[in-house]
Protein backbone atom coordinates (compact mmCIF):
# COMPACT_ATOMS: atom_id res chain seq x y z
CA UNK A 1 98.09 90.80 84.18
CA UNK A 2 94.78 92.14 84.40
CA UNK A 3 93.76 95.96 86.09
CA UNK A 4 90.91 94.62 88.37
CA UNK A 5 90.64 98.59 90.41
CA UNK A 6 91.58 101.63 90.22
CA UNK A 7 91.92 103.80 93.25
CA UNK A 8 92.35 107.70 92.70
CA UNK A 9 92.23 110.25 95.51
CA UNK A 10 92.80 113.75 93.60
CA UNK A 11 95.17 116.77 95.50
CA UNK A 12 94.52 120.18 95.10
CA UNK A 13 98.33 121.14 94.07
CA UNK A 14 100.22 122.22 91.18
CA UNK A 15 101.88 119.33 89.08
CA UNK A 16 101.23 116.57 91.50
CA UNK A 17 97.32 116.31 90.58
CA UNK A 18 96.55 113.04 92.11
CA UNK A 19 97.89 109.69 94.26
CA UNK A 20 96.77 106.71 92.87
CA UNK A 21 96.50 102.31 93.88
CA UNK A 22 95.85 100.08 91.26
CA UNK A 23 95.40 96.69 91.97
CA UNK A 24 96.01 93.62 89.58
CA UNK A 25 93.76 90.56 89.12
CA UNK A 26 92.57 91.14 92.66
CA UNK A 27 95.50 89.68 94.39
CA UNK A 28 98.36 92.55 94.17
CA UNK A 29 98.12 96.06 95.70
CA UNK A 30 100.74 98.78 93.60
CA UNK A 31 100.33 102.11 96.37
CA UNK A 32 101.70 105.57 95.45
CA UNK A 33 101.46 105.88 92.13
CA UNK A 34 101.12 109.68 91.33
CA UNK A 35 99.61 111.62 88.27
CA UNK A 36 101.75 114.24 87.70
CA UNK A 37 100.71 117.42 85.16
CA UNK A 38 104.13 117.35 83.03
CA UNK A 39 104.94 119.95 80.31
CA UNK A 40 103.44 117.93 77.84
CA UNK A 41 100.65 116.95 79.79
CA UNK A 42 99.42 114.06 82.11
CA UNK A 43 101.56 111.31 82.86
CA UNK A 44 101.70 108.14 85.99
CA UNK A 45 104.46 107.98 87.93
CA UNK A 46 105.56 105.05 89.34
CA UNK A 47 105.83 104.96 93.15
CA UNK A 48 109.81 105.75 93.90
CA UNK A 49 112.15 106.57 96.93
CA UNK A 50 114.70 108.92 97.21
CA UNK A 51 118.33 107.74 97.20
CA UNK A 52 121.16 109.31 99.37
CA UNK A 53 122.75 111.18 96.63
CA UNK A 54 118.99 112.80 96.58
CA UNK A 55 118.41 110.98 93.42
CA UNK A 56 114.77 109.09 93.44
CA UNK A 57 114.79 104.92 92.47
CA UNK A 58 111.35 103.35 91.18
CA UNK A 59 110.66 100.62 93.34
CA UNK A 60 107.94 99.30 91.76
CA UNK A 61 107.45 99.65 87.48
CA UNK A 62 106.28 97.83 84.29
CA UNK A 63 109.18 96.47 82.56
CA UNK A 64 107.87 96.85 78.96
CA UNK A 65 106.14 99.81 77.43
CA UNK A 66 102.83 98.37 76.53
CA UNK A 67 102.48 97.42 79.99
CA UNK A 68 103.22 100.99 81.17
CA UNK A 69 100.65 102.23 78.20
CA UNK A 70 97.83 100.17 79.10
CA UNK A 71 98.27 101.39 83.20
CA UNK A 72 98.75 104.87 82.63
CA UNK A 73 95.53 104.64 79.80
CA UNK A 74 93.65 103.22 82.83
CA UNK A 75 94.62 105.16 85.63
CA UNK A 76 94.31 108.46 83.73
CA UNK A 77 90.29 107.18 82.29
CA UNK A 78 89.74 106.46 86.01
CA UNK A 79 90.98 110.07 86.64
CA UNK A 80 88.96 111.74 84.33
CA UNK A 81 86.04 109.98 85.67
CA UNK A 82 86.52 111.13 89.09
CA UNK A 83 86.87 114.43 88.02
CA UNK A 84 83.95 114.40 86.33
CA UNK A 85 81.94 113.10 89.82
CA UNK A 86 83.60 116.05 91.72
CA UNK A 87 82.52 118.22 89.10
CA UNK A 88 78.73 117.13 89.37
CA UNK A 89 78.61 116.60 92.89
CA UNK A 90 80.07 120.69 93.28
CA UNK A 91 77.56 121.68 90.42
CA UNK A 92 74.83 119.80 92.82
CA UNK A 93 75.81 121.61 96.00
CA UNK A 94 76.21 125.10 94.25
CA UNK A 95 72.20 124.32 93.26
CA UNK A 96 71.28 123.53 96.36
CA UNK A 97 72.37 126.51 97.90
CA UNK A 98 71.04 129.08 95.32
CA UNK A 99 67.50 127.22 96.56
CA UNK A 100 68.59 127.38 100.10
CA UNK A 101 69.05 131.03 99.35
CA UNK A 102 66.02 131.68 97.35
CA UNK A 103 63.66 130.15 100.56
CA UNK A 104 65.64 132.16 102.52
CA UNK A 105 64.90 135.34 100.47
CA UNK A 106 61.42 134.62 100.09
CA UNK A 107 60.56 134.36 103.35
CA UNK A 108 62.25 137.40 104.66
CA UNK A 109 64.28 138.57 107.90
């Protein structure tokens, strides 16, 4: 089974860092995985459903630790790439704003 696509949707929350959708073999999608900032760093939580007793149960999850590690590694890699893109875009926006301010200052009111 191959992960053929990973989509990361960052959020601005304390512990929850992003929602994730993954596609296997271009034919099976799993949505609502979460990247969580836990006590020992980032980890990937599988999609889950709250039960009547208040506990959560995974809806879909890997059956062995090798696949779990592979999924987590790929997702966190794409997450880091997405953060770099966002950071670069923010830096470009700040640079453009700085140029506009200099242009305005040069022209005067």
